[in-house]
C-alpha cells in the first residue's frame, strides 16, 4: 500500500462566529449578526419593516421557504402579511423569523435598517410553521412532525 502526503497552504479569508443560544450550549441554535445595518431607522418591536428572508436546508442549502420584499410588523410574525410588489399578494411570515430578530435584538439592542441576521437550527420549524397554506396538503404527521436542520437568513 502506497501512502502519499499532500501539503497545501490556505489563506483564511474570513471567520464567521455564531453565538450559541441553545440551552446548555449544545449548538442546537446558533445566531450570527452579520451586519447591524447602517440605515437611519432603528429596528424595534412594533415597527413596520420591509425585508427578505430564506429558510434553507442546513445540509444542502435548498430553499424550503423564501420571501422577498415582505412587509410586516416586527414582533407580529407567525401570521400573514403582504409583499411590496404589484398585485400585493399575501405571504406567511414564520414565527422563526421573529425569534431570530428578537434574539438578535437581545444580544445587540441597536439594530438598524440594513441588518442581516443568520441562524442555524438543528431542529428547524415544521412545514406547518413555515407556511400553513403550502403545508395543508401534507399528512398531519409530516406537516407538524418533520423538523429538519435549517439555516435562516433575514435581511431587513
N, C-alpha and C. Protein backbone atom coordinates (compact mmCIF):
# COMPACT_ATOMS: atom_id res chain seq x y z
N UNK A 1 0.84 -1.17 0.00
CA UNK A 1 0.00 0.00 0.00
C UNK A 1 0.90 1.24 0.00
N UNK A 2 0.63 2.17 -0.91
CA UNK A 2 1.41 3.39 -1.01
C UNK A 2 0.67 4.53 -0.30
N UNK A 3 1.40 5.22 0.53
CA UNK A 3 0.81 6.33 1.25
C UNK A 3 1.43 7.62 0.74
N UNK A 4 0.58 8.58 0.42
CA UNK A 4 1.07 9.85 -0.11
C UNK A 4 0.60 10.99 0.77
N UNK A 5 1.39 11.99 0.85
CA UNK A 5 1.07 13.17 1.64
C UNK A 5 0.97 14.36 0.71
N UNK A 6 -0.06 15.14 0.90
CA UNK A 6 -0.24 16.36 0.13
C UNK A 6 -0.20 17.53 1.10
N UNK A 7 0.58 18.50 0.79
CA UNK A 7 0.68 19.68 1.63
C UNK A 7 0.05 20.85 0.89
N UNK A 8 -0.83 21.56 1.59
CA UNK A 8 -1.48 22.71 0.99
C UNK A 8 -1.44 23.88 1.96
N UNK A 9 -1.20 25.04 1.43
CA UNK A 9 -1.25 26.24 2.24
C UNK A 9 -2.49 27.01 1.82
N UNK A 10 -3.32 27.32 2.80
CA UNK A 10 -4.56 28.01 2.54
C UNK A 10 -4.57 29.34 3.29
N UNK A 11 -5.20 30.32 2.70
CA UNK A 11 -5.33 31.61 3.34
C UNK A 11 -6.75 31.74 3.88
N UNK A 12 -6.88 32.07 5.16
CA UNK A 12 -8.18 32.26 5.77
C UNK A 12 -8.71 33.63 5.36
N UNK A 13 -9.82 33.64 4.63
CA UNK A 13 -10.37 34.89 4.14
C UNK A 13 -11.34 35.53 5.12
N UNK A 14 -12.08 34.70 5.84
CA UNK A 14 -12.99 35.26 6.84
C UNK A 14 -13.32 34.19 7.86
N UNK A 15 -13.79 34.66 8.98
CA UNK A 15 -14.18 33.77 10.07
C UNK A 15 -15.52 34.28 10.59
N UNK A 16 -16.56 33.50 10.39
CA UNK A 16 -17.90 33.90 10.81
C UNK A 16 -18.22 33.22 12.13
N UNK A 17 -18.31 34.01 13.21
CA UNK A 17 -18.58 33.46 14.52
C UNK A 17 -20.06 33.56 14.85
N UNK A 18 -20.61 32.47 15.32
CA UNK A 18 -22.01 32.39 15.72
C UNK A 18 -22.07 32.34 17.24
N UNK A 19 -23.11 32.93 17.80
CA UNK A 19 -23.37 32.88 19.23
C UNK A 19 -24.26 31.65 19.49
N UNK A 20 -23.87 30.81 20.44
CA UNK A 20 -24.65 29.62 20.78
C UNK A 20 -25.71 30.01 21.80
N UNK A 21 -26.98 30.02 21.37
CA UNK A 21 -28.08 30.42 22.24
C UNK A 21 -28.90 29.23 22.75
N UNK A 22 -28.44 28.02 22.47
CA UNK A 22 -29.18 26.85 22.92
C UNK A 22 -28.91 26.57 24.39
N UNK A 23 -29.86 25.88 25.02
CA UNK A 23 -29.68 25.53 26.42
C UNK A 23 -28.50 24.60 26.57
N UNK A 24 -27.68 24.85 27.55
CA UNK A 24 -26.52 24.01 27.79
C UNK A 24 -25.43 24.17 26.74
N UNK A 25 -25.56 25.21 25.89
CA UNK A 25 -24.56 25.45 24.83
C UNK A 25 -24.28 24.19 24.01
N UNK A 26 -25.36 23.55 23.57
CA UNK A 26 -25.25 22.30 22.82
C UNK A 26 -25.06 22.51 21.32
N UNK A 27 -25.21 23.74 20.84
CA UNK A 27 -25.05 24.02 19.42
C UNK A 27 -26.33 23.82 18.62
N UNK A 28 -27.46 23.60 19.28
CA UNK A 28 -28.72 23.37 18.57
C UNK A 28 -29.28 24.65 17.95
N UNK A 29 -28.92 25.82 18.50
CA UNK A 29 -29.41 27.09 17.98
C UNK A 29 -28.26 28.09 17.99
N UNK A 30 -27.79 28.43 16.79
CA UNK A 30 -26.68 29.37 16.64
C UNK A 30 -27.18 30.63 15.93
N UNK A 31 -26.70 31.78 16.36
CA UNK A 31 -27.13 33.04 15.79
C UNK A 31 -25.92 33.91 15.47
N UNK A 32 -25.98 34.58 14.33
CA UNK A 32 -24.91 35.49 13.92
C UNK A 32 -25.53 36.78 13.43
N UNK A 33 -25.04 37.88 13.93
CA UNK A 33 -25.45 39.19 13.43
C UNK A 33 -24.38 39.58 12.42
N UNK A 34 -24.67 39.33 11.15
CA UNK A 34 -23.69 39.57 10.10
C UNK A 34 -23.48 41.05 9.85
N UNK A 35 -24.53 41.85 10.02
CA UNK A 35 -24.43 43.28 9.81
C UNK A 35 -25.50 43.95 10.67
N UNK A 36 -25.14 44.98 11.42
CA UNK A 36 -26.11 45.67 12.28
C UNK A 36 -26.89 46.74 11.52
N UNK A 37 -26.57 46.93 10.26
CA UNK A 37 -27.28 47.91 9.45
C UNK A 37 -26.66 49.29 9.55
N UNK A 38 -26.90 50.09 8.54
CA UNK A 38 -26.35 51.43 8.52
C UNK A 38 -27.43 52.46 8.20
N UNK A 39 -28.68 52.00 8.23
CA UNK A 39 -29.78 52.92 7.95
C UNK A 39 -29.99 53.89 9.09
N UNK A 40 -30.86 54.84 8.88
CA UNK A 40 -31.11 55.82 9.93
C UNK A 40 -32.25 55.38 10.85
N UNK A 41 -33.08 54.44 10.37
CA UNK A 41 -34.19 53.97 11.19
C UNK A 41 -33.77 52.78 12.05
N UNK A 42 -33.99 52.89 13.34
CA UNK A 42 -33.68 51.81 14.28
C UNK A 42 -34.78 50.76 14.23
N UNK A 43 -34.41 49.50 14.30
CA UNK A 43 -35.38 48.40 14.28
C UNK A 43 -35.80 48.07 15.70
N UNK A 44 -37.07 48.23 15.99
CA UNK A 44 -37.62 47.90 17.30
C UNK A 44 -38.95 47.17 17.10
N UNK A 45 -39.33 46.41 18.11
CA UNK A 45 -40.59 45.68 18.08
C UNK A 45 -41.73 46.67 17.88
N UNK A 46 -42.67 46.31 16.98
CA UNK A 46 -43.80 47.17 16.69
C UNK A 46 -43.60 48.06 15.48
N UNK A 47 -42.40 48.08 14.91
CA UNK A 47 -42.08 48.91 13.74
C UNK A 47 -42.37 48.12 12.46
N UNK A 48 -42.99 48.79 11.48
CA UNK A 48 -43.26 48.16 10.19
C UNK A 48 -41.97 48.15 9.37
N UNK A 49 -41.61 47.00 8.83
CA UNK A 49 -40.36 46.86 8.09
C UNK A 49 -40.60 46.15 6.76
N UNK A 50 -39.65 46.29 5.87
CA UNK A 50 -39.63 45.52 4.62
C UNK A 50 -38.36 44.70 4.63
N UNK A 51 -38.48 43.42 4.31
CA UNK A 51 -37.29 42.58 4.34
C UNK A 51 -37.43 41.33 3.51
N UNK A 52 -36.31 40.65 3.39
CA UNK A 52 -36.24 39.37 2.69
C UNK A 52 -35.81 38.33 3.71
N UNK A 53 -36.27 37.10 3.52
CA UNK A 53 -35.78 36.02 4.36
C UNK A 53 -35.85 34.70 3.60
N UNK A 54 -35.00 33.79 4.00
CA UNK A 54 -35.00 32.46 3.42
C UNK A 54 -34.73 31.46 4.53
N UNK A 55 -35.50 30.37 4.50
CA UNK A 55 -35.27 29.24 5.38
C UNK A 55 -34.82 28.12 4.46
N UNK A 56 -33.58 27.67 4.64
CA UNK A 56 -32.99 26.69 3.74
C UNK A 56 -32.50 25.48 4.51
N UNK A 57 -32.42 24.36 3.82
CA UNK A 57 -31.85 23.16 4.43
C UNK A 57 -30.41 23.42 4.82
N UNK A 58 -30.05 23.05 6.03
CA UNK A 58 -28.70 23.34 6.52
C UNK A 58 -27.65 22.50 5.82
N UNK A 59 -28.02 21.34 5.33
CA UNK A 59 -27.03 20.45 4.73
C UNK A 59 -26.80 20.72 3.25
N UNK A 60 -27.88 20.98 2.51
CA UNK A 60 -27.71 21.16 1.07
C UNK A 60 -28.01 22.58 0.58
N UNK A 61 -28.54 23.43 1.43
CA UNK A 61 -28.80 24.81 1.05
C UNK A 61 -30.05 25.01 0.22
N UNK A 62 -30.85 23.97 0.03
CA UNK A 62 -32.08 24.08 -0.75
C UNK A 62 -33.08 24.95 0.00
N UNK A 63 -33.64 25.94 -0.68
CA UNK A 63 -34.60 26.84 -0.04
C UNK A 63 -35.89 26.08 0.25
N UNK A 64 -36.29 26.06 1.52
CA UNK A 64 -37.56 25.46 1.91
C UNK A 64 -38.67 26.49 1.82
N UNK A 65 -38.34 27.74 2.12
CA UNK A 65 -39.31 28.83 2.05
C UNK A 65 -38.55 30.14 1.90
N UNK A 66 -38.92 30.92 0.90
CA UNK A 66 -38.23 32.18 0.62
C UNK A 66 -39.25 33.25 0.29
N UNK A 67 -39.05 34.43 0.85
CA UNK A 67 -39.91 35.57 0.55
C UNK A 67 -39.02 36.80 0.38
N UNK A 68 -39.29 37.56 -0.67
CA UNK A 68 -38.55 38.79 -0.92
C UNK A 68 -39.51 39.98 -0.86
N UNK A 69 -39.03 41.08 -0.31
CA UNK A 69 -39.78 42.33 -0.20
C UNK A 69 -41.07 42.18 0.60
N UNK A 70 -41.04 41.37 1.64
CA UNK A 70 -42.21 41.25 2.51
C UNK A 70 -42.29 42.45 3.43
N UNK A 71 -43.51 42.84 3.74
CA UNK A 71 -43.73 43.94 4.68
C UNK A 71 -44.49 43.38 5.86
N UNK A 72 -43.93 43.58 7.07
CA UNK A 72 -44.59 43.10 8.28
C UNK A 72 -44.19 43.97 9.46
N UNK A 73 -44.86 43.76 10.57
CA UNK A 73 -44.57 44.49 11.80
C UNK A 73 -43.72 43.60 12.68
N UNK A 74 -42.56 44.11 13.12
CA UNK A 74 -41.67 43.32 13.97
C UNK A 74 -42.40 42.93 15.26
N UNK A 75 -42.32 41.66 15.60
CA UNK A 75 -42.99 41.15 16.78
C UNK A 75 -44.34 40.54 16.47
N UNK A 76 -44.82 40.68 15.23
CA UNK A 76 -46.10 40.11 14.83
C UNK A 76 -45.92 39.04 13.76
N UNK A 77 -44.84 38.29 13.88
CA UNK A 77 -44.60 37.20 12.94
C UNK A 77 -45.50 36.02 13.31
N UNK A 78 -45.58 35.03 12.43
CA UNK A 78 -46.46 33.89 12.66
C UNK A 78 -47.85 34.16 12.13
N UNK A 79 -47.94 35.05 11.15
CA UNK A 79 -49.21 35.36 10.52
C UNK A 79 -48.98 35.88 9.11
N UNK A 80 -50.09 36.12 8.41
CA UNK A 80 -49.97 36.60 7.04
C UNK A 80 -49.62 38.09 6.99
N UNK A 81 -48.92 38.44 5.93
CA UNK A 81 -48.60 39.82 5.65
C UNK A 81 -48.65 39.97 4.13
N UNK A 82 -48.02 40.97 3.57
CA UNK A 82 -48.06 41.11 2.12
C UNK A 82 -46.69 41.48 1.57
N UNK A 83 -46.58 41.41 0.26
CA UNK A 83 -45.33 41.70 -0.44
C UNK A 83 -45.46 43.04 -1.12
N UNK A 84 -44.41 43.85 -1.08
CA UNK A 84 -44.40 45.17 -1.67
C UNK A 84 -44.10 45.07 -3.17
N UNK A 85 -45.06 44.57 -3.90
CA UNK A 85 -44.94 44.44 -5.35
C UNK A 85 -46.30 44.69 -5.98
N UNK A 86 -46.31 44.78 -7.28
CA UNK A 86 -47.57 44.92 -8.00
C UNK A 86 -48.45 43.72 -7.70
N UNK A 87 -49.66 43.94 -7.31
CA UNK A 87 -50.57 42.85 -7.01
C UNK A 87 -50.73 42.61 -5.51
N UNK A 88 -49.78 43.04 -4.70
CA UNK A 88 -49.86 42.94 -3.25
C UNK A 88 -50.34 41.57 -2.77
N UNK A 89 -49.69 40.49 -3.20
CA UNK A 89 -50.08 39.15 -2.75
C UNK A 89 -49.71 38.96 -1.29
N UNK A 90 -50.45 38.08 -0.61
CA UNK A 90 -50.15 37.85 0.80
C UNK A 90 -49.12 36.72 0.93
N UNK A 91 -48.35 36.80 1.98
CA UNK A 91 -47.33 35.78 2.28
C UNK A 91 -47.38 35.50 3.77
N UNK A 92 -46.88 34.35 4.16
CA UNK A 92 -46.81 33.97 5.56
C UNK A 92 -45.44 34.37 6.11
N UNK A 93 -45.43 35.04 7.25
CA UNK A 93 -44.18 35.40 7.92
C UNK A 93 -44.01 34.41 9.06
N UNK A 94 -43.09 33.45 8.96
CA UNK A 94 -42.95 32.43 10.01
C UNK A 94 -42.48 33.01 11.34
N UNK A 95 -42.92 32.38 12.41
CA UNK A 95 -42.54 32.82 13.75
C UNK A 95 -41.03 32.70 13.98
N UNK A 96 -40.37 31.76 13.28
CA UNK A 96 -38.92 31.60 13.45
C UNK A 96 -38.16 32.84 13.01
N UNK A 97 -38.70 33.59 12.06
CA UNK A 97 -38.08 34.84 11.62
C UNK A 97 -38.13 35.85 12.76
N UNK A 98 -39.26 35.92 13.44
CA UNK A 98 -39.39 36.81 14.59
C UNK A 98 -38.49 36.40 15.74
N UNK A 99 -38.35 35.09 15.95
CA UNK A 99 -37.48 34.60 17.02
C UNK A 99 -36.03 35.01 16.77
N UNK A 100 -35.58 34.89 15.52
CA UNK A 100 -34.22 35.27 15.17
C UNK A 100 -34.01 36.76 15.44
N UNK A 101 -34.98 37.59 15.03
CA UNK A 101 -34.85 39.03 15.28
C UNK A 101 -34.85 39.35 16.78
N UNK A 102 -35.76 38.76 17.52
CA UNK A 102 -35.85 39.04 18.96
C UNK A 102 -34.57 38.65 19.69
N UNK A 103 -34.02 37.49 19.34
CA UNK A 103 -32.78 37.05 19.99
C UNK A 103 -31.61 37.95 19.61
N UNK A 104 -31.58 38.40 18.36
CA UNK A 104 -30.51 39.31 17.92
C UNK A 104 -30.64 40.66 18.63
N UNK A 105 -31.87 41.14 18.80
CA UNK A 105 -32.08 42.42 19.47
C UNK A 105 -31.70 42.32 20.95
N UNK A 106 -31.85 41.14 21.52
CA UNK A 106 -31.44 40.95 22.91
C UNK A 106 -29.91 40.98 23.03
N UNK A 107 -29.23 40.39 22.03
CA UNK A 107 -27.76 40.39 22.03
C UNK A 107 -27.19 41.77 21.72
N UNK A 108 -27.81 42.43 20.77
CA UNK A 108 -27.31 43.72 20.28
C UNK A 108 -28.50 44.66 20.11
N UNK A 109 -28.85 45.42 21.14
CA UNK A 109 -30.07 46.22 21.11
C UNK A 109 -30.15 47.26 19.98
N UNK A 110 -29.02 47.71 19.47
CA UNK A 110 -29.04 48.73 18.43
C UNK A 110 -28.89 48.10 17.05
N UNK A 111 -30.02 47.75 16.45
CA UNK A 111 -30.06 47.23 15.09
C UNK A 111 -30.79 48.25 14.22
N UNK A 112 -30.29 48.44 13.00
CA UNK A 112 -30.85 49.44 12.10
C UNK A 112 -31.24 48.80 10.77
N UNK A 113 -31.95 49.60 9.94
CA UNK A 113 -32.28 49.11 8.60
C UNK A 113 -31.00 48.69 7.90
N UNK A 114 -31.06 47.58 7.19
CA UNK A 114 -29.87 47.03 6.54
C UNK A 114 -29.28 45.89 7.34
N UNK A 115 -29.92 45.52 8.43
CA UNK A 115 -29.44 44.42 9.28
C UNK A 115 -29.52 43.10 8.54
N UNK A 116 -28.50 42.27 8.73
CA UNK A 116 -28.50 40.89 8.19
C UNK A 116 -28.25 39.94 9.35
N UNK A 117 -29.19 39.02 9.54
CA UNK A 117 -29.11 38.04 10.61
C UNK A 117 -29.07 36.65 10.02
N UNK A 118 -28.29 35.77 10.63
CA UNK A 118 -28.20 34.38 10.19
C UNK A 118 -28.34 33.48 11.40
N UNK A 119 -29.07 32.40 11.23
CA UNK A 119 -29.25 31.44 12.33
C UNK A 119 -29.13 30.03 11.78
N UNK A 120 -28.70 29.13 12.63
CA UNK A 120 -28.63 27.69 12.31
C UNK A 120 -29.40 26.96 13.41
N UNK A 121 -30.36 26.14 13.01
CA UNK A 121 -31.16 25.38 13.96
C UNK A 121 -31.03 23.90 13.67
N UNK A 122 -30.72 23.12 14.68
CA UNK A 122 -30.61 21.68 14.49
C UNK A 122 -31.97 21.07 14.19
N UNK A 123 -33.00 21.59 14.83
CA UNK A 123 -34.38 21.16 14.55
C UNK A 123 -35.15 22.40 14.15
N UNK A 124 -35.33 22.58 12.86
CA UNK A 124 -35.98 23.77 12.35
C UNK A 124 -37.49 23.71 12.50
N UNK A 125 -38.17 24.71 11.95
CA UNK A 125 -39.63 24.74 12.04
C UNK A 125 -40.26 23.65 11.17
N UNK A 126 -41.41 23.18 11.61
CA UNK A 126 -42.18 22.19 10.84
C UNK A 126 -42.78 22.89 9.62
N UNK A 127 -43.11 22.16 8.56
CA UNK A 127 -43.70 22.78 7.37
C UNK A 127 -44.94 23.62 7.69
N UNK A 128 -45.74 23.18 8.66
CA UNK A 128 -46.95 23.93 9.03
C UNK A 128 -46.59 25.26 9.69
N UNK A 129 -45.44 25.33 10.34
CA UNK A 129 -44.99 26.58 10.95
C UNK A 129 -44.37 27.52 9.92
N UNK A 130 -43.76 26.95 8.88
CA UNK A 130 -43.16 27.77 7.82
C UNK A 130 -44.23 28.46 6.99
N UNK A 131 -45.20 27.68 6.53
CA UNK A 131 -46.29 28.22 5.72
C UNK A 131 -47.46 27.25 5.74
N UNK A 132 -48.48 27.52 6.55
CA UNK A 132 -49.63 26.63 6.63
C UNK A 132 -50.34 26.42 5.30
N UNK A 133 -50.34 27.43 4.44
CA UNK A 133 -51.01 27.31 3.14
C UNK A 133 -50.34 26.26 2.27
N UNK A 134 -49.00 26.22 2.26
CA UNK A 134 -48.28 25.25 1.45
C UNK A 134 -48.28 23.87 2.09
N UNK A 135 -48.38 23.79 3.41
CA UNK A 135 -48.30 22.51 4.11
C UNK A 135 -49.65 21.84 4.28
N UNK A 136 -50.73 22.48 3.85
CA UNK A 136 -52.06 21.91 4.08
C UNK A 136 -52.28 20.58 3.36
N UNK A 137 -51.54 20.34 2.30
CA UNK A 137 -51.70 19.09 1.55
C UNK A 137 -50.87 17.94 2.12
N UNK A 138 -50.01 18.21 3.08
CA UNK A 138 -49.18 17.17 3.68
C UNK A 138 -49.97 16.41 4.75
N UNK A 139 -49.53 15.21 5.04
CA UNK A 139 -50.16 14.47 6.13
C UNK A 139 -49.89 15.22 7.44
N UNK A 140 -50.76 15.04 8.42
CA UNK A 140 -50.60 15.76 9.70
C UNK A 140 -49.27 15.41 10.36
N UNK A 141 -48.85 14.15 10.25
CA UNK A 141 -47.59 13.74 10.86
C UNK A 141 -46.41 14.49 10.24
N UNK A 142 -46.41 14.61 8.92
CA UNK A 142 -45.31 15.30 8.25
C UNK A 142 -45.42 16.82 8.43
N UNK A 143 -46.63 17.35 8.37
CA UNK A 143 -46.83 18.80 8.46
C UNK A 143 -46.40 19.35 9.82
N UNK A 144 -46.58 18.57 10.89
CA UNK A 144 -46.23 19.05 12.22
C UNK A 144 -44.99 18.41 12.80
N UNK A 145 -44.60 17.23 12.29
CA UNK A 145 -43.51 16.49 12.92
C UNK A 145 -42.16 16.57 12.23
N UNK A 146 -42.14 16.94 10.96
CA UNK A 146 -40.88 16.97 10.22
C UNK A 146 -40.15 18.28 10.52
N UNK A 147 -39.02 18.20 11.23
CA UNK A 147 -38.25 19.39 11.60
C UNK A 147 -36.78 19.20 11.24
N UNK A 148 -36.43 19.41 9.96
CA UNK A 148 -35.05 19.21 9.53
C UNK A 148 -34.15 20.34 10.02
N UNK A 149 -32.84 20.11 10.03
CA UNK A 149 -31.92 21.21 10.36
C UNK A 149 -31.99 22.28 9.28
N UNK A 150 -32.01 23.54 9.70
CA UNK A 150 -32.17 24.63 8.74
C UNK A 150 -31.20 25.76 9.02
N UNK A 151 -30.99 26.57 7.99
CA UNK A 151 -30.27 27.83 8.08
C UNK A 151 -31.27 28.92 7.71
N UNK A 152 -31.32 29.96 8.52
CA UNK A 152 -32.25 31.05 8.29
C UNK A 152 -31.45 32.33 8.08
N UNK A 153 -31.77 33.04 7.01
CA UNK A 153 -31.13 34.34 6.75
C UNK A 153 -32.24 35.39 6.66
N UNK A 154 -32.08 36.49 7.39
CA UNK A 154 -33.07 37.57 7.43
C UNK A 154 -32.36 38.88 7.09
N UNK A 155 -32.84 39.56 6.09
CA UNK A 155 -32.33 40.89 5.72
C UNK A 155 -33.46 41.89 5.88
N UNK A 156 -33.26 42.87 6.76
CA UNK A 156 -34.30 43.87 6.99
C UNK A 156 -33.73 45.24 6.64
